[in-house]
Amino acid sequence: MSTKGASAIAAEVIAGTEVRSLGQWLAALLDANLVNATQAARVVDELVQQQPALLVPQIRQLVNALEKGTPRAAQTAAHALHALVALAPAKVARHMDRLREAFDAAADETKDGIVLTFAALCSASIAYQKRVVDVLERALGSAEPRTLQRWSETVLPALKGEPYAQARAVVEGRLADLPKPIAQKVAAQLGVRLRHP
């Protein structure tokens, strides 16, 4: 394990002066040694911040890390994929079925990354909506209240037509069960009035 910080290592990977290649750092996300996998996750997080385009050819490895990595590695992979939608939506979308299959068993942090990735894909192209709306509905239907509020702010604006109506109906159906402060914020976002009991 290197004693350098993740930011410095990422800068060296970008410059081509780091001993380990980008591919090796991504492979380390699946390392059985938790310390090595966590350090790799930190380096990949920095790469997403510093030079996300470098990761576009590595989308398959990120999907592998999301499915098979530790929760920390999976979280890093999911959020990297979300960032890469802006650069290469079609390349991320090629793995949409794998992401859909991974969703239900995923850790909360990974689910967050998948939801954000799917919302970004829907914003990039209306064609992706019907393929992911069922996952987005399940996400909105099962999210804890604060997460529901945040996801509804991201997901609903990304959808159009029938997928929007379906997802909105899920959110509206949960208003009565949400804590009042959160319900008020969600209702305001939806442009509806809360019914008082």
C-alpha atoms as a PDB file:
ATOM      1  CA  MET A   1       0.000   0.000   0.000  1.00  0.00           C
ATOM      2  CA  SER A   2       1.301   3.445  -0.923  1.00  0.00           C
ATOM      3  CA  THR A   3       1.935   6.085   1.741  1.00  0.00           C
ATOM      4  CA  LYS A   4       1.019   8.876  -0.712  1.00  0.00           C
ATOM      5  CA  GLY A   5      -2.424  10.427  -0.524  1.00  0.00           C
ATOM      6  CA  ALA A   6      -5.137   9.466  -3.001  1.00  0.00           C
ATOM      7  CA  SER A   7      -5.084  12.888  -4.650  1.00  0.00           C
ATOM      8  CA  ALA A   8      -1.340  12.682  -5.320  1.00  0.00           C
ATOM      9  CA  ILE A   9      -1.628   9.127  -6.623  1.00  0.00           C
ATOM     10  CA  ALA A  10      -4.487  10.126  -8.940  1.00  0.00           C
ATOM     11  CA  ALA A  11      -2.423  13.032 -10.290  1.00  0.00           C
ATOM     12  CA  GLU A  12       0.432  10.596 -11.015  1.00  0.00           C
ATOM     13  CA  VAL A  13      -1.937   8.124 -12.714  1.00  0.00           C
ATOM     14  CA  ILE A  14      -3.149  10.989 -14.933  1.00  0.00           C
ATOM     15  CA  ALA A  15       0.445  12.043 -15.680  1.00  0.00           C
ATOM     16  CA  GLY A  16       1.471   8.434 -16.356  1.00  0.00           C
ATOM     17  CA  THR A  17       4.129   8.483 -13.647  1.00  0.00           C
ATOM     18  CA  GLU A  18       2.387   6.258 -11.064  1.00  0.00           C
ATOM     19  CA  VAL A  19       3.850   2.751 -10.725  1.00  0.00           C
ATOM     20  CA  ARG A  20       0.402   1.148 -10.933  1.00  0.00           C
ATOM     21  CA  SER A  21      -1.689   1.724 -14.036  1.00  0.00           C
ATOM     22  CA  LEU A  22      -5.284   2.915 -14.048  1.00  0.00           C
ATOM     23  CA  GLY A  23      -6.394  -0.636 -14.842  1.00  0.00           C
ATOM     24  CA  GLN A  24      -4.506  -1.962 -11.824  1.00  0.00           C
ATOM     25  CA  TRP A  25      -6.143   0.601  -9.521  1.00  0.00           C
ATOM     26  CA  LEU A  26      -9.567  -0.343 -10.848  1.00  0.00           C
ATOM     27  CA  ALA A  27      -8.795  -4.058 -10.414  1.00  0.00           C
ATOM     28  CA  ALA A  28      -7.780  -3.268  -6.813  1.00  0.00           C
ATOM     29  CA  LEU A  29     -11.384  -2.207  -6.115  1.00  0.00           C
ATOM     30  CA  LEU A  30     -12.052  -5.968  -5.984  1.00  0.00           C
ATOM     31  CA  ASP A  31      -9.014  -6.745  -3.815  1.00  0.00           C
ATOM     32  CA  ALA A  32      -9.800  -9.161  -0.982  1.00  0.00           C
ATOM     33  CA  ASN A  33      -7.643  -6.983   1.285  1.00  0.00           C
ATOM     34  CA  LEU A  34     -10.044  -4.335   2.582  1.00  0.00           C
ATOM     35  CA  VAL A  35      -7.279  -1.758   3.085  1.00  0.00           C
ATOM     36  CA  ASN A  36      -6.136  -2.092  -0.544  1.00  0.00           C
ATOM     37  CA  ALA A  37      -9.723  -1.966  -1.871  1.00  0.00           C
ATOM     38  CA  THR A  38     -10.470   1.143   0.198  1.00  0.00           C
ATOM     39  CA  GLN A  39      -7.327   2.906  -0.995  1.00  0.00           C
ATOM     40  CA  ALA A  40      -8.221   2.037  -4.591  1.00  0.00           C
ATOM     41  CA  ALA A  41     -11.710   3.481  -4.024  1.00  0.00           C
ATOM     42  CA  ARG A  42     -10.160   6.735  -2.778  1.00  0.00           C
ATOM     43  CA  VAL A  43      -7.880   6.946  -5.814  1.00  0.00           C
ATOM     44  CA  VAL A  44     -10.775   6.305  -8.204  1.00  0.00           C
ATOM     45  CA  ASP A  45     -12.856   8.951  -6.388  1.00  0.00           C
ATOM     46  CA  GLU A  46     -10.029  11.416  -7.012  1.00  0.00           C
ATOM     47  CA  LEU A  47      -9.790  10.407 -10.673  1.00  0.00           C
ATOM     48  CA  VAL A  48     -13.512  11.078 -11.078  1.00  0.00           C
ATOM     49  CA  GLN A  49     -12.907  14.563  -9.653  1.00  0.00           C
ATOM     50  CA  GLN A  50      -9.684  15.318 -11.536  1.00  0.00           C
ATOM     51  CA  GLN A  51     -10.006  13.597 -14.936  1.00  0.00           C
ATOM     52  CA  PRO A  52     -13.243  11.618 -15.397  1.00  0.00           C
ATOM     53  CA  ALA A  53     -12.654  11.135 -19.139  1.00  0.00           C
ATOM     54  CA  LEU A  54      -9.791   8.791 -18.249  1.00  0.00           C
ATOM     55  CA  LEU A  55     -12.369   6.355 -16.835  1.00  0.00           C
ATOM     56  CA  VAL A  56     -14.616   6.129 -19.913  1.00  0.00           C
ATOM     57  CA  PRO A  57     -12.780   3.085 -21.356  1.00  0.00           C
ATOM     58  CA  GLN A  58     -13.013   1.443 -17.905  1.00  0.00           C
ATOM     59  CA  ILE A  59     -16.811   1.441 -17.533  1.00  0.00           C
ATOM     60  CA  ARG A  60     -17.005  -2.373 -17.556  1.00  0.00           C
ATOM     61  CA  GLN A  61     -14.537  -2.607 -14.662  1.00  0.00           C
ATOM     62  CA  LEU A  62     -16.581  -0.057 -12.723  1.00  0.00           C
ATOM     63  CA  VAL A  63     -19.739  -2.131 -13.256  1.00  0.00           C
ATOM     64  CA  ASN A  64     -17.832  -5.212 -12.025  1.00  0.00           C
ATOM     65  CA  ALA A  65     -16.776  -3.318  -8.902  1.00  0.00           C
ATOM     66  CA  LEU A  66     -20.332  -2.192  -8.309  1.00  0.00           C
ATOM     67  CA  GLU A  67     -21.604  -5.773  -8.477  1.00  0.00           C
ATOM     68  CA  LYS A  68     -18.792  -7.591  -6.671  1.00  0.00           C
ATOM     69  CA  GLY A  69     -16.843  -5.056  -4.624  1.00  0.00           C
ATOM     70  CA  THR A  70     -17.018  -4.098  -0.972  1.00  0.00           C
ATOM     71  CA  PRO A  71     -19.730  -1.540  -0.112  1.00  0.00           C
ATOM     72  CA  ARG A  72     -17.074   1.206  -0.274  1.00  0.00           C
ATOM     73  CA  ALA A  73     -15.817   0.064  -3.689  1.00  0.00           C
ATOM     74  CA  ALA A  74     -19.368  -0.351  -4.967  1.00  0.00           C
ATOM     75  CA  GLN A  75     -20.251   3.160  -3.815  1.00  0.00           C
ATOM     76  CA  THR A  76     -17.225   4.573  -5.640  1.00  0.00           C
ATOM     77  CA  ALA A  77     -18.098   2.656  -8.804  1.00  0.00           C
ATOM     78  CA  ALA A  78     -21.741   3.736  -8.749  1.00  0.00           C
ATOM     79  CA  HIS A  79     -20.890   7.405  -8.323  1.00  0.00           C
ATOM     80  CA  ALA A  80     -18.192   7.187 -11.012  1.00  0.00           C
ATOM     81  CA  LEU A  81     -20.743   5.736 -13.433  1.00  0.00           C
ATOM     82  CA  HIS A  82     -23.113   8.577 -12.610  1.00  0.00           C
ATOM     83  CA  ALA A  83     -20.387  11.099 -13.468  1.00  0.00           C
ATOM     84  CA  LEU A  84     -19.513   9.277 -16.702  1.00  0.00           C
ATOM     85  CA  VAL A  85     -23.068   9.551 -18.069  1.00  0.00           C
ATOM     86  CA  ALA A  86     -22.297  13.169 -18.972  1.00  0.00           C
ATOM     87  CA  LEU A  87     -19.286  12.049 -21.034  1.00  0.00           C
ATOM     88  CA  ALA A  88     -20.436   8.746 -22.527  1.00  0.00           C
ATOM     89  CA  PRO A  89     -24.143   8.009 -21.929  1.00  0.00           C
ATOM     90  CA  ALA A  90     -24.368   5.211 -24.516  1.00  0.00           C
ATOM     91  CA  LYS A  91     -21.347   3.411 -23.040  1.00  0.00           C
ATOM     92  CA  VAL A  92     -22.868   3.517 -19.551  1.00  0.00           C
ATOM     93  CA  ALA A  93     -26.279   2.489 -20.928  1.00  0.00           C
ATOM     94  CA  ARG A  94     -24.768  -0.701 -22.388  1.00  0.00           C
ATOM     95  CA  HIS A  95     -24.560  -1.945 -18.807  1.00  0.00           C
ATOM     96  CA  MET A  96     -28.052  -0.834 -17.817  1.00  0.00           C
ATOM     97  CA  ASP A  97     -29.382  -4.395 -17.454  1.00  0.00           C
ATOM     98  CA  ARG A  98     -26.557  -5.348 -15.096  1.00  0.00           C
ATOM     99  CA  LEU A  99     -27.204  -2.226 -13.009  1.00  0.00           C
ATOM    100  CA  ARG A 100     -30.918  -3.031 -12.916  1.00  0.00           C
ATOM    101  CA  GLU A 101     -30.181  -6.556 -11.673  1.00  0.00           C
ATOM    102  CA  ALA A 102     -27.757  -5.265  -9.027  1.00  0.00           C
ATOM    103  CA  PHE A 103     -30.178  -2.698  -7.573  1.00  0.00           C
ATOM    104  CA  ASP A 104     -32.361  -4.721  -5.202  1.00  0.00           C
ATOM    105  CA  ALA A 105     -29.471  -6.421  -3.381  1.00  0.00           C
ATOM    106  CA  ALA A 106     -27.258  -3.322  -3.320  1.00  0.00           C
ATOM    107  CA  ALA A 107     -26.158  -1.398  -0.226  1.00  0.00           C
ATOM    108  CA  ASP A 108     -27.859   1.971   0.319  1.00  0.00           C
ATOM    109  CA  GLU A 109     -24.862   3.942  -0.959  1.00  0.00           C
ATOM    110  CA  THR A 110     -24.753   1.857  -4.119  1.00  0.00           C
ATOM    111  CA  LYS A 111     -28.493   2.225  -4.657  1.00  0.00           C
ATOM    112  CA  ASP A 112     -27.986   5.977  -4.466  1.00  0.00           C
ATOM    113  CA  GLY A 113     -25.375   5.824  -7.213  1.00  0.00           C
ATOM    114  CA  ILE A 114     -27.574   3.638  -9.408  1.00  0.00           C
ATOM    115  CA  VAL A 115     -30.585   5.949  -8.983  1.00  0.00           C
ATOM    116  CA  LEU A 116     -28.458   8.990  -9.833  1.00  0.00           C
ATOM    117  CA  THR A 117     -26.969   7.149 -12.836  1.00  0.00           C
ATOM    118  CA  PHE A 118     -30.411   6.167 -14.124  1.00  0.00           C
ATOM    119  CA  ALA A 119     -31.729   9.708 -13.641  1.00  0.00           C
ATOM    120  CA  ALA A 120     -28.741  11.057 -15.568  1.00  0.00           C
ATOM    121  CA  LEU A 121     -29.355   8.541 -18.367  1.00  0.00           C
ATOM    122  CA  CYS A 122     -33.012   9.588 -18.550  1.00  0.00           C
ATOM    123  CA  SER A 123     -31.935  13.229 -18.798  1.00  0.00           C
ATOM    124  CA  ALA A 124     -29.467  12.323 -21.548  1.00  0.00           C
ATOM    125  CA  SER A 125     -32.076  10.513 -23.664  1.00  0.00           C
ATOM    126  CA  ILE A 126     -35.791   9.860 -23.352  1.00  0.00           C
ATOM    127  CA  ALA A 127     -35.151   6.436 -24.894  1.00  0.00           C
ATOM    128  CA  TYR A 128     -33.729   5.124 -21.600  1.00  0.00           C
ATOM    129  CA  GLN A 129     -36.790   5.953 -19.478  1.00  0.00           C
ATOM    130  CA  LYS A 130     -38.905   2.864 -20.091  1.00  0.00           C
ATOM    131  CA  ARG A 131     -35.952   0.573 -19.398  1.00  0.00           C
ATOM    132  CA  VAL A 132     -35.334   1.967 -15.916  1.00  0.00           C
ATOM    133  CA  VAL A 133     -38.655   3.393 -14.690  1.00  0.00           C
ATOM    134  CA  ASP A 134     -39.534   0.198 -12.808  1.00  0.00           C
ATOM    135  CA  VAL A 135     -36.286   0.409 -10.804  1.00  0.00           C
ATOM    136  CA  LEU A 136     -36.827   4.115 -10.156  1.00  0.00           C
ATOM    137  CA  GLU A 137     -40.379   3.407  -8.947  1.00  0.00           C
ATOM    138  CA  ARG A 138     -39.114   0.727  -6.545  1.00  0.00           C
ATOM    139  CA  ALA A 139     -36.416   3.111  -5.332  1.00  0.00           C
ATOM    140  CA  LEU A 140     -38.901   5.914  -4.692  1.00  0.00           C
ATOM    141  CA  GLY A 141     -41.355   3.511  -3.094  1.00  0.00           C
ATOM    142  CA  SER A 142     -38.875   2.085  -0.585  1.00  0.00           C
ATOM    143  CA  ALA A 143     -36.526   5.001   0.174  1.00  0.00           C
ATOM    144  CA  GLU A 144     -36.355   6.391   3.684  1.00  0.00           C
ATOM    145  CA  PRO A 145     -37.977   9.864   3.870  1.00  0.00           C
ATOM    146  CA  ARG A 146     -34.913  12.092   3.459  1.00  0.00           C
ATOM    147  CA  THR A 147     -33.604   9.950   0.618  1.00  0.00           C
ATOM    148  CA  LEU A 148     -37.035  10.035  -1.027  1.00  0.00           C
ATOM    149  CA  GLN A 149     -37.009  13.827  -0.898  1.00  0.00           C
ATOM    150  CA  ARG A 150     -33.552  13.991  -2.484  1.00  0.00           C
ATOM    151  CA  TRP A 151     -34.267  11.341  -5.103  1.00  0.00           C
ATOM    152  CA  SER A 152     -37.583  12.880  -6.112  1.00  0.00           C
ATOM    153  CA  GLU A 153     -35.777  16.179  -6.737  1.00  0.00           C
ATOM    154  CA  THR A 154     -33.398  14.363  -9.101  1.00  0.00           C
ATOM    155  CA  VAL A 155     -35.538  11.646 -10.656  1.00  0.00           C
ATOM    156  CA  LEU A 156     -38.805  13.435 -11.444  1.00  0.00           C
ATOM    157  CA  PRO A 157     -37.259  16.272 -13.507  1.00  0.00           C
ATOM    158  CA  ALA A 158     -35.373  13.647 -15.548  1.00  0.00           C
ATOM    159  CA  LEU A 159     -38.557  11.849 -16.632  1.00  0.00           C
ATOM    160  CA  LYS A 160     -41.175  12.742 -19.236  1.00  0.00           C
ATOM    161  CA  GLY A 161     -44.627  11.474 -20.183  1.00  0.00           C
ATOM    162  CA  GLU A 162     -45.897   8.190 -18.756  1.00  0.00           C
ATOM    163  CA  PRO A 163     -42.677   7.306 -16.851  1.00  0.00           C
ATOM    164  CA  TYR A 164     -42.908  10.702 -15.129  1.00  0.00           C
ATOM    165  CA  ALA A 165     -46.567  10.120 -14.244  1.00  0.00           C
ATOM    166  CA  GLN A 166     -45.781   6.664 -12.832  1.00  0.00           C
ATOM    167  CA  ALA A 167     -42.870   7.868 -10.689  1.00  0.00           C
ATOM    168  CA  ARG A 168     -44.771  10.941  -9.521  1.00  0.00           C
ATOM    169  CA  ALA A 169     -47.718   8.753  -8.459  1.00  0.00           C
ATOM    170  CA  VAL A 170     -45.359   6.683  -6.279  1.00  0.00           C
ATOM    171  CA  VAL A 171     -44.032   9.827  -4.581  1.00  0.00           C
ATOM    172  CA  GLU A 172     -47.515  11.323  -4.107  1.00  0.00           C
ATOM    173  CA  GLY A 173     -48.737   8.037  -2.649  1.00  0.00           C
ATOM    174  CA  ARG A 174     -46.111   8.289   0.094  1.00  0.00           C
ATOM    175  CA  LEU A 175     -46.871  11.862   1.203  1.00  0.00           C
ATOM    176  CA  ALA A 176     -49.290  10.839   3.972  1.00  0.00           C
ATOM    177  CA  ASP A 177     -46.696   8.563   5.558  1.00  0.00           C
ATOM    178  CA  LEU A 178     -43.770  11.000   5.538  1.00  0.00           C
ATOM    179  CA  PRO A 179     -42.768  13.152   8.511  1.00  0.00           C
ATOM    180  CA  LYS A 180     -44.587  16.463   8.108  1.00  0.00           C
ATOM    181  CA  PRO A 181     -41.528  18.700   7.394  1.00  0.00           C
ATOM    182  CA  ILE A 182     -40.343  16.352   4.636  1.00  0.00           C
ATOM    183  CA  ALA A 183     -43.872  15.835   3.311  1.00  0.00           C
ATOM    184  CA  GLN A 184     -44.270  19.618   3.012  1.00  0.00           C
ATOM    185  CA  LYS A 185     -41.054  19.935   1.016  1.00  0.00           C
ATOM    186  CA  VAL A 186     -41.958  17.068  -1.303  1.00  0.00           C
ATOM    187  CA  ALA A 187     -45.505  18.393  -1.767  1.00  0.00           C
ATOM    188  CA  ALA A 188     -44.119  21.842  -2.602  1.00  0.00           C
ATOM    189  CA  GLN A 189     -41.795  20.301  -5.156  1.00  0.00           C
ATOM    190  CA  LEU A 190     -44.748  18.441  -6.696  1.00  0.00           C
ATOM    191  CA  GLY A 191     -46.951  21.523  -6.589  1.00  0.00           C
ATOM    192  CA  VAL A 192     -49.665  19.831  -4.514  1.00  0.00           C
ATOM    193  CA  ARG A 193     -51.285  20.640  -1.172  1.00  0.00           C
ATOM    194  CA  LEU A 194     -50.963  18.304   1.726  1.00  0.00           C
ATOM    195  CA  ARG A 195     -54.245  16.947   2.998  1.00  0.00           C
ATOM    196  CA  HIS A 196     -54.559  17.514   6.696  1.00  0.00           C
ATOM    197  CA  PRO A 197     -55.996  14.595   8.706  1.00  0.00           C
END
